[in-house]
PDB file of N, CA and C in Angstrom:
ATOM      1  N   MET A   1      48.895 -64.762  25.865  1.00  0.00           N
ATOM      2  CA  MET A   1      50.534 -64.567  25.183  1.00  0.00           C
ATOM      3  C   MET A   1      51.015 -63.331  26.213  1.00  0.00           C
ATOM      4  N   ARG A   2      52.092 -63.812  26.714  1.00  0.00           N
ATOM      5  CA  ARG A   2      52.672 -62.830  27.708  1.00  0.00           C
ATOM      6  C   ARG A   2      53.889 -62.287  26.955  1.00  0.00           C
ATOM      7  N   LEU A   3      54.301 -61.045  27.092  1.00  0.00           N
ATOM      8  CA  LEU A   3      55.554 -60.688  26.306  1.00  0.00           C
ATOM      9  C   LEU A   3      56.680 -60.043  27.613  1.00  0.00           C
ATOM     10  N   THR A   4      58.057 -60.024  27.356  1.00  0.00           N
ATOM     11  CA  THR A   4      58.758 -59.404  27.953  1.00  0.00           C
ATOM     12  C   THR A   4      60.374 -59.022  27.616  1.00  0.00           C
ATOM     13  N   VAL A   5      61.317 -58.761  28.163  1.00  0.00           N
ATOM     14  CA  VAL A   5      62.578 -58.130  27.143  1.00  0.00           C
ATOM     15  C   VAL A   5      63.022 -59.722  27.128  1.00  0.00           C
ATOM     16  N   ASN A   6      63.996 -59.652  25.549  1.00  0.00           N
ATOM     17  CA  ASN A   6      64.506 -60.454  25.226  1.00  0.00           C
ATOM     18  C   ASN A   6      66.135 -60.148  25.784  1.00  0.00           C
ATOM     19  N   ARG A   7      66.558 -60.668  26.775  1.00  0.00           N
ATOM     20  CA  ARG A   7      67.410 -60.592  27.833  1.00  0.00           C
ATOM     21  C   ARG A   7      68.599 -60.959  27.233  1.00  0.00           C
ATOM     22  N   ASP A   8      68.397 -61.716  26.361  1.00  0.00           N
ATOM     23  CA  ASP A   8      69.722 -62.850  25.117  1.00  0.00           C
ATOM     24  C   ASP A   8      70.205 -61.569  24.085  1.00  0.00           C
ATOM     25  N   ASN A   9      69.080 -60.582  23.810  1.00  0.00           N
ATOM     26  CA  ASN A   9      69.574 -59.655  22.514  1.00  0.00           C
ATOM     27  C   ASN A   9      69.514 -58.198  22.765  1.00  0.00           C
ATOM     28  N   ALA A  10      68.543 -58.020  24.102  1.00  0.00           N
ATOM     29  CA  ALA A  10      68.402 -56.612  23.999  1.00  0.00           C
ATOM     30  C   ALA A  10      69.338 -56.057  25.118  1.00  0.00           C
ATOM     31  N   LEU A  11      69.953 -55.012  24.938  1.00  0.00           N
ATOM     32  CA  LEU A  11      70.725 -54.244  25.881  1.00  0.00           C
ATOM     33  C   LEU A  11      70.220 -52.493  25.763  1.00  0.00           C
ATOM     34  N   TRP A  12      69.946 -52.053  26.823  1.00  0.00           N
ATOM     35  CA  TRP A  12      69.468 -50.787  27.202  1.00  0.00           C
ATOM     36  C   TRP A  12      69.999 -50.211  28.089  1.00  0.00           C
ATOM     37  N   ARG A  13      69.607 -48.653  28.193  1.00  0.00           N
ATOM     38  CA  ARG A  13      69.974 -47.699  29.101  1.00  0.00           C
ATOM     39  C   ARG A  13      68.777 -46.571  29.097  1.00  0.00           C
ATOM     40  N   ILE A  14      68.505 -45.997  29.948  1.00  0.00           N
ATOM     41  CA  ILE A  14      67.355 -44.678  30.261  1.00  0.00           C
ATOM     42  C   ILE A  14      68.205 -43.715  30.240  1.00  0.00           C
ATOM     43  N   VAL A  15      68.154 -42.696  28.972  1.00  0.00           N
ATOM     44  CA  VAL A  15      69.174 -41.418  29.219  1.00  0.00           C
ATOM     45  C   VAL A  15      67.887 -40.630  28.761  1.00  0.00           C
ATOM     46  N   ASP A  16      68.009 -39.493  29.797  1.00  0.00           N
ATOM     47  CA  ASP A  16      67.079 -38.498  30.093  1.00  0.00           C
ATOM     48  C   ASP A  16      65.829 -38.771  29.666  1.00  0.00           C
ATOM     49  N   GLY A  17      65.530 -39.739  30.551  1.00  0.00           N
ATOM     50  CA  GLY A  17      64.141 -40.293  30.277  1.00  0.00           C
ATOM     51  C   GLY A  17      63.376 -41.340  29.166  1.00  0.00           C
ATOM     52  N   GLU A  18      64.504 -41.161  28.340  1.00  0.00           N
ATOM     53  CA  GLU A  18      64.104 -42.587  27.435  1.00  0.00           C
ATOM     54  C   GLU A  18      65.106 -43.341  27.176  1.00  0.00           C
ATOM     55  N   ALA A  19      64.208 -44.596  26.769  1.00  0.00           N
ATOM     56  CA  ALA A  19      65.356 -45.891  26.446  1.00  0.00           C
ATOM     57  C   ALA A  19      65.861 -45.545  24.941  1.00  0.00           C
ATOM     58  N   VAL A  20      67.194 -46.058  25.378  1.00  0.00           N
ATOM     59  CA  VAL A  20      68.039 -46.353  24.382  1.00  0.00           C
ATOM     60  C   VAL A  20      68.156 -47.896  23.901  1.00  0.00           C
ATOM     61  N   LEU A  21      67.888 -48.588  23.193  1.00  0.00           N
ATOM     62  CA  LEU A  21      68.165 -49.895  22.882  1.00  0.00           C
ATOM     63  C   LEU A  21      68.901 -50.341  21.654  1.00  0.00           C
ATOM     64  N   ILE A  22      69.714 -51.321  22.289  1.00  0.00           N
ATOM     65  CA  ILE A  22      70.653 -52.256  21.263  1.00  0.00           C
ATOM     66  C   ILE A  22      70.480 -53.410  21.188  1.00  0.00           C
ATOM     67  N   SER A  23      70.230 -53.853  19.862  1.00  0.00           N
ATOM     68  CA  SER A  23      70.235 -55.445  19.621  1.00  0.00           C
ATOM     69  C   SER A  23      71.562 -55.833  19.727  1.00  0.00           C
ATOM     70  N   ALA A  24      71.745 -56.806  20.280  1.00  0.00           N
ATOM     71  CA  ALA A  24      73.357 -57.556  20.267  1.00  0.00           C
ATOM     72  C   ALA A  24      73.558 -58.406  19.276  1.00  0.00           C
ATOM     73  N   ALA A  25      72.500 -58.733  18.810  1.00  0.00           N
ATOM     74  CA  ALA A  25      72.545 -59.597  17.775  1.00  0.00           C
ATOM     75  C   ALA A  25      73.037 -58.768  15.989  1.00  0.00           C
ATOM     76  N   THR A  26      72.597 -57.472  16.087  1.00  0.00           N
ATOM     77  CA  THR A  26      72.681 -56.806  14.725  1.00  0.00           C
ATOM     78  C   THR A  26      73.401 -55.280  14.869  1.00  0.00           C
ATOM     79  N   SER A  27      73.553 -54.866  16.196  1.00  0.00           N
ATOM     80  CA  SER A  27      73.910 -53.752  16.823  1.00  0.00           C
ATOM     81  C   SER A  27      73.151 -52.281  16.398  1.00  0.00           C
ATOM     82  N   TYR A  28      72.188 -52.531  15.532  1.00  0.00           N
ATOM     83  CA  TYR A  28      70.937 -51.513  15.588  1.00  0.00           C
ATOM     84  C   TYR A  28      71.017 -51.165  17.046  1.00  0.00           C
ATOM     85  N   TYR A  29      70.816 -49.700  16.908  1.00  0.00           N
ATOM     86  CA  TYR A  29      70.463 -49.031  18.062  1.00  0.00           C
ATOM     87  C   TYR A  29      68.874 -48.134  17.876  1.00  0.00           C
ATOM     88  N   TYR A  30      68.028 -48.425  18.828  1.00  0.00           N
ATOM     89  CA  TYR A  30      66.601 -47.799  18.769  1.00  0.00           C
ATOM     90  C   TYR A  30      66.502 -46.676  19.717  1.00  0.00           C
ATOM     91  N   SER A  31      65.532 -45.759  19.709  1.00  0.00           N
ATOM     92  CA  SER A  31      65.360 -44.659  20.698  1.00  0.00           C
ATOM     93  C   SER A  31      63.762 -44.616  20.706  1.00  0.00           C
ATOM     94  N   LEU A  32      63.438 -44.684  22.143  1.00  0.00           N
ATOM     95  CA  LEU A  32      61.961 -44.645  22.631  1.00  0.00           C
ATOM     96  C   LEU A  32      61.505 -43.661  23.069  1.00  0.00           C
ATOM     97  N   ASN A  33      60.704 -43.024  22.759  1.00  0.00           N
ATOM     98  CA  ASN A  33      59.884 -41.811  23.410  1.00  0.00           C
ATOM     99  C   ASN A  33      59.553 -42.234  24.523  1.00  0.00           C
ATOM    100  N   ARG A  34      58.955 -40.928  25.548  1.00  0.00           N
ATOM    101  CA  ARG A  34      58.754 -41.416  26.677  1.00  0.00           C
ATOM    102  C   ARG A  34      57.710 -42.712  27.043  1.00  0.00           C
ATOM    103  N   THR A  35      56.596 -42.597  26.247  1.00  0.00           N
ATOM    104  CA  THR A  35      55.771 -43.652  26.248  1.00  0.00           C
ATOM    105  C   THR A  35      55.936 -45.160  26.101  1.00  0.00           C
ATOM    106  N   GLY A  36      57.188 -44.776  24.955  1.00  0.00           N
ATOM    107  CA  GLY A  36      57.693 -46.199  24.205  1.00  0.00           C
ATOM    108  C   GLY A  36      58.555 -46.764  25.668  1.00  0.00           C
ATOM    109  N   THR A  37      59.142 -45.694  26.427  1.00  0.00           N
ATOM    110  CA  THR A  37      60.075 -46.039  27.446  1.00  0.00           C
ATOM    111  C   THR A  37      59.418 -46.644  28.570  1.00  0.00           C
ATOM    112  N   PHE A  38      58.369 -46.033  28.775  1.00  0.00           N
ATOM    113  CA  PHE A  38      57.056 -46.280  30.059  1.00  0.00           C
ATOM    114  C   PHE A  38      56.677 -47.960  29.682  1.00  0.00           C
ATOM    115  N   VAL A  39      56.196 -48.019  28.273  1.00  0.00           N
ATOM    116  CA  VAL A  39      56.115 -49.725  27.953  1.00  0.00           C
ATOM    117  C   VAL A  39      57.425 -50.624  28.238  1.00  0.00           C
ATOM    118  N   TRP A  40      58.543 -49.961  27.670  1.00  0.00           N
ATOM    119  CA  TRP A  40      59.789 -51.103  27.661  1.00  0.00           C
ATOM    120  C   TRP A  40      59.823 -50.973  29.066  1.00  0.00           C
ATOM    121  N   ASN A  41      59.949 -50.236  30.128  1.00  0.00           N
ATOM    122  CA  ASN A  41      59.808 -50.419  31.570  1.00  0.00           C
ATOM    123  C   ASN A  41      59.171 -51.530  32.320  1.00  0.00           C
ATOM    124  N   LEU A  42      57.889 -51.586  31.548  1.00  0.00           N
ATOM    125  CA  LEU A  42      56.724 -52.231  32.418  1.00  0.00           C
ATOM    126  C   LEU A  42      57.444 -53.886  31.948  1.00  0.00           C
ATOM    127  N   LEU A  43      57.638 -53.495  30.507  1.00  0.00           N
ATOM    128  CA  LEU A  43      58.324 -55.387  30.055  1.00  0.00           C
ATOM    129  C   LEU A  43      59.379 -55.879  30.621  1.00  0.00           C
ATOM    130  N   ALA A  44      60.212 -54.549  31.324  1.00  0.00           N
ATOM    131  CA  ALA A  44      61.649 -55.147  31.743  1.00  0.00           C
ATOM    132  C   ALA A  44      61.326 -55.388  33.223  1.00  0.00           C
ATOM    133  N   ASP A  45      60.186 -55.005  33.798  1.00  0.00           N
ATOM    134  CA  ASP A  45      59.601 -55.583  35.032  1.00  0.00           C
ATOM    135  C   ASP A  45      59.214 -57.106  35.142  1.00  0.00           C
ATOM    136  N   GLY A  46      58.618 -57.398  34.138  1.00  0.00           N
ATOM    137  CA  GLY A  46      58.023 -58.685  34.062  1.00  0.00           C
ATOM    138  C   GLY A  46      56.850 -58.833  32.722  1.00  0.00           C
ATOM    139  N   ALA A  47      56.975 -60.261  32.608  1.00  0.00           N
ATOM    140  CA  ALA A  47      55.842 -60.129  31.586  1.00  0.00           C
ATOM    141  C   ALA A  47      54.679 -59.876  31.755  1.00  0.00           C
ATOM    142  N   LEU A  48      53.644 -59.354  30.482  1.00  0.00           N
ATOM    143  CA  LEU A  48      52.791 -58.563  30.655  1.00  0.00           C
ATOM    144  C   LEU A  48      51.992 -59.560  29.064  1.00  0.00           C
ATOM    145  N   THR A  49      50.811 -59.346  29.503  1.00  0.00           N
ATOM    146  CA  THR A  49      49.855 -59.477  28.052  1.00  0.00           C
ATOM    147  C   THR A  49      49.716 -58.271  27.245  1.00  0.00           C
ATOM    148  N   PRO A  50      49.694 -58.257  26.047  1.00  0.00           N
ATOM    149  CA  PRO A  50      49.417 -56.821  25.307  1.00  0.00           C
ATOM    150  C   PRO A  50      48.249 -56.229  26.063  1.00  0.00           C
ATOM    151  N   ASP A  51      47.017 -56.552  26.152  1.00  0.00           N
ATOM    152  CA  ASP A  51      46.216 -56.126  27.094  1.00  0.00           C
ATOM    153  C   ASP A  51      46.439 -55.178  28.312  1.00  0.00           C
ATOM    154  N   ASP A  52      46.866 -56.218  29.117  1.00  0.00           N
ATOM    155  CA  ASP A  52      47.537 -55.502  30.165  1.00  0.00           C
ATOM    156  C   ASP A  52      48.456 -54.321  29.864  1.00  0.00           C
ATOM    157  N   LEU A  53      49.257 -54.114  29.056  1.00  0.00           N
ATOM    158  CA  LEU A  53      50.425 -52.781  28.764  1.00  0.00           C
ATOM    159  C   LEU A  53      49.456 -51.615  28.087  1.00  0.00           C
ATOM    160  N   VAL A  54      48.046 -52.006  27.471  1.00  0.00           N
ATOM    161  CA  VAL A  54      47.321 -51.166  26.954  1.00  0.00           C
ATOM    162  C   VAL A  54      46.673 -50.388  28.234  1.00  0.00           C
ATOM    163  N   ARG A  55      46.098 -51.291  28.781  1.00  0.00           N
ATOM    164  CA  ARG A  55      45.702 -50.946  30.160  1.00  0.00           C
ATOM    165  C   ARG A  55      46.432 -49.772  31.005  1.00  0.00           C
ATOM    166  N   ARG A  56      47.583 -50.627  31.403  1.00  0.00           N
ATOM    167  CA  ARG A  56      48.315 -49.833  32.150  1.00  0.00           C
ATOM    168  C   ARG A  56      48.880 -48.380  31.286  1.00  0.00           C
ATOM    169  N   VAL A  57      49.241 -48.401  29.891  1.00  0.00           N
ATOM    170  CA  VAL A  57      49.303 -47.015  29.458  1.00  0.00           C
ATOM    171  C   VAL A  57      48.238 -46.105  29.332  1.00  0.00           C
ATOM    172  N   ALA A  58      46.935 -46.350  29.263  1.00  0.00           N
ATOM    173  CA  ALA A  58      45.945 -45.991  29.616  1.00  0.00           C
ATOM    174  C   ALA A  58      45.796 -44.953  31.017  1.00  0.00           C
ATOM    175  N   ASP A  59      45.948 -45.902  31.639  1.00  0.00           N
ATOM    176  CA  ASP A  59      45.668 -45.577  33.231  1.00  0.00           C
ATOM    177  C   ASP A  59      46.890 -44.365  33.669  1.00  0.00           C
ATOM    178  N   HIS A  60      48.173 -44.884  32.856  1.00  0.00           N
ATOM    179  CA  HIS A  60      48.977 -44.089  33.245  1.00  0.00           C
ATOM    180  C   HIS A  60      48.883 -42.583  32.766  1.00  0.00           C
ATOM    181  N   TYR A  61      48.687 -42.322  31.622  1.00  0.00           N
ATOM    182  CA  TYR A  61      47.892 -41.294  30.760  1.00  0.00           C
ATOM    183  C   TYR A  61      46.741 -40.501  31.072  1.00  0.00           C
ATOM    184  N   GLY A  62      45.858 -41.386  31.713  1.00  0.00           N
ATOM    185  CA  GLY A  62      44.501 -40.987  31.762  1.00  0.00           C
ATOM    186  C   GLY A  62      43.740 -40.778  30.656  1.00  0.00           C
ATOM    187  N   VAL A  63      43.840 -42.033  30.067  1.00  0.00           N
ATOM    188  CA  VAL A  63      43.016 -41.710  28.343  1.00  0.00           C
ATOM    189  C   VAL A  63      42.359 -42.941  28.417  1.00  0.00           C
ATOM    190  N   ALA A  64      41.221 -43.372  27.445  1.00  0.00           N
ATOM    191  CA  ALA A  64      40.879 -44.585  27.167  1.00  0.00           C
ATOM    192  C   ALA A  64      41.596 -45.629  26.664  1.00  0.00           C
ATOM    193  N   ALA A  65      41.532 -46.796  26.858  1.00  0.00           N
ATOM    194  CA  ALA A  65      42.689 -48.000  26.122  1.00  0.00           C
ATOM    195  C   ALA A  65      42.144 -47.932  24.774  1.00  0.00           C
ATOM    196  N   ALA A  66      41.470 -47.535  24.030  1.00  0.00           N
ATOM    197  CA  ALA A  66      40.741 -47.657  22.379  1.00  0.00           C
ATOM    198  C   ALA A  66      42.034 -46.633  22.166  1.00  0.00           C
ATOM    199  N   ALA A  67      42.100 -45.668  22.480  1.00  0.00           N
ATOM    200  CA  ALA A  67      43.450 -43.968  22.537  1.00  0.00           C
ATOM    201  C   ALA A  67      44.449 -44.697  22.133  1.00  0.00           C
ATOM    202  N   VAL A  68      45.033 -45.966  22.976  1.00  0.00           N
ATOM    203  CA  VAL A  68      46.443 -46.213  23.019  1.00  0.00           C
ATOM    204  C   VAL A  68      46.537 -47.759  22.359  1.00  0.00           C
ATOM    205  N   ARG A  69      45.591 -48.261  22.046  1.00  0.00           N
ATOM    206  CA  ARG A  69      45.608 -50.197  21.689  1.00  0.00           C
ATOM    207  C   ARG A  69      46.331 -49.786  20.350  1.00  0.00           C
ATOM    208  N   ASP A  70      46.238 -48.946  19.327  1.00  0.00           N
ATOM    209  CA  ASP A  70      46.659 -49.358  18.179  1.00  0.00           C
ATOM    210  C   ASP A  70      48.429 -49.037  18.361  1.00  0.00           C
ATOM    211  N   ASP A  71      48.717 -47.837  19.260  1.00  0.00           N
ATOM    212  CA  ASP A  71      50.142 -47.551  19.105  1.00  0.00           C
ATOM    213  C   ASP A  71      50.881 -48.320  20.111  1.00  0.00           C
ATOM    214  N   VAL A  72      50.299 -48.606  21.112  1.00  0.00           N
ATOM    215  CA  VAL A  72      50.797 -50.042  21.938  1.00  0.00           C
ATOM    216  C   VAL A  72      51.158 -51.330  21.026  1.00  0.00           C
ATOM    217  N   GLY A  73      50.216 -51.871  20.441  1.00  0.00           N
ATOM    218  CA  GLY A  73      50.117 -52.533  19.615  1.00  0.00           C
ATOM    219  C   GLY A  73      51.410 -52.600  18.331  1.00  0.00           C
ATOM    220  N   ALA A  74      51.552 -51.534  17.535  1.00  0.00           N
ATOM    221  CA  ALA A  74      52.633 -51.078  16.429  1.00  0.00           C
ATOM    222  C   ALA A  74      53.976 -51.248  17.230  1.00  0.00           C
ATOM    223  N   LEU A  75      53.977 -50.824  18.484  1.00  0.00           N
ATOM    224  CA  LEU A  75      55.149 -50.698  19.183  1.00  0.00           C
ATOM    225  C   LEU A  75      55.643 -52.085  19.504  1.00  0.00           C
ATOM    226  N   LEU A  76      54.870 -52.939  19.769  1.00  0.00           N
ATOM    227  CA  LEU A  76      54.973 -54.440  20.302  1.00  0.00           C
ATOM    228  C   LEU A  76      55.415 -55.154  19.285  1.00  0.00           C
ATOM    229  N   ASP A  77      54.948 -54.581  17.600  1.00  0.00           N
ATOM    230  CA  ASP A  77      55.191 -55.377  16.676  1.00  0.00           C
ATOM    231  C   ASP A  77      56.389 -55.080  16.305  1.00  0.00           C
ATOM    232  N   GLN A  78      56.768 -53.920  16.326  1.00  0.00           N
ATOM    233  CA  GLN A  78      58.036 -53.631  16.229  1.00  0.00           C
ATOM    234  C   GLN A  78      59.445 -54.199  16.674  1.00  0.00           C
ATOM    235  N   LEU A  79      58.914 -54.248  18.137  1.00  0.00           N
ATOM    236  CA  LEU A  79      59.781 -54.505  18.945  1.00  0.00           C
ATOM    237  C   LEU A  79      60.328 -56.104  18.874  1.00  0.00           C
ATOM    238  N   ARG A  80      59.117 -56.693  18.613  1.00  0.00           N
ATOM    239  CA  ARG A  80      59.255 -58.304  18.273  1.00  0.00           C
ATOM    240  C   ARG A  80      59.830 -58.774  16.950  1.00  0.00           C
ATOM    241  N   ALA A  81      59.732 -57.641  15.963  1.00  0.00           N
ATOM    242  CA  ALA A  81      60.520 -57.938  14.648  1.00  0.00           C
ATOM    243  C   ALA A  81      61.510 -57.801  14.689  1.00  0.00           C
ATOM    244  N   GLU A  82      62.217 -56.991  15.872  1.00  0.00           N
ATOM    245  CA  GLU A  82      63.719 -56.633  15.896  1.00  0.00           C
ATOM    246  C   GLU A  82      64.250 -57.762  16.892  1.00  0.00           C
ATOM    247  N   ASP A  83      63.530 -58.455  17.244  1.00  0.00           N
ATOM    248  CA  ASP A  83      63.842 -59.581  18.601  1.00  0.00           C
ATOM    249  C   ASP A  83      64.080 -58.857  20.003  1.00  0.00           C
ATOM    250  N   LEU A  84      63.825 -57.773  20.258  1.00  0.00           N
ATOM    251  CA  LEU A  84      64.049 -57.287  21.459  1.00  0.00           C
ATOM    252  C   LEU A  84      63.042 -57.634  22.644  1.00  0.00           C
ATOM    253  N   ILE A  85      61.961 -58.090  22.087  1.00  0.00           N
ATOM    254  CA  ILE A  85      61.214 -58.620  23.215  1.00  0.00           C
ATOM    255  C   ILE A  85      60.874 -60.016  22.710  1.00  0.00           C
ATOM    256  N   VAL A  86      60.240 -60.933  23.700  1.00  0.00           N
ATOM    257  CA  VAL A  86      59.779 -62.342  23.174  1.00  0.00           C
ATOM    258  C   VAL A  86      58.780 -62.976  24.226  1.00  0.00           C
ATOM    259  N   GLU A  87      57.973 -64.127  23.560  1.00  0.00           N
ATOM    260  CA  GLU A  87      57.024 -64.073  24.558  1.00  0.00           C
ATOM    261  C   GLU A  87      57.402 -65.179  25.358  1.00  0.00           C
ATOM    262  N   GLU A  88      56.762 -65.120  26.595  1.00  0.00           N
ATOM    263  CA  GLU A  88      57.081 -65.910  27.804  1.00  0.00           C
ATOM    264  C   GLU A  88      56.408 -66.973  28.049  1.00  0.00           C
TER     265      GLU A  88
END
């Protein structure tokens, strides 16, 4: 499964290094911390698998993949639940 930004529903801006997302469907807004913004930017650049995202986050922060797997998974689950990302 490859995930990407749902460009039909998600509007976003990067403000002071952090992503601010707005759902066009609900008008709810969300802010992501720097790590979440890093993941968001990866998804905005192209579709990636969850494992690809975990590996890139781990490499970026110089930690083991196991150390970030749960957090990346939780972020992806939340973004999917809000229809901000979709499977490609």
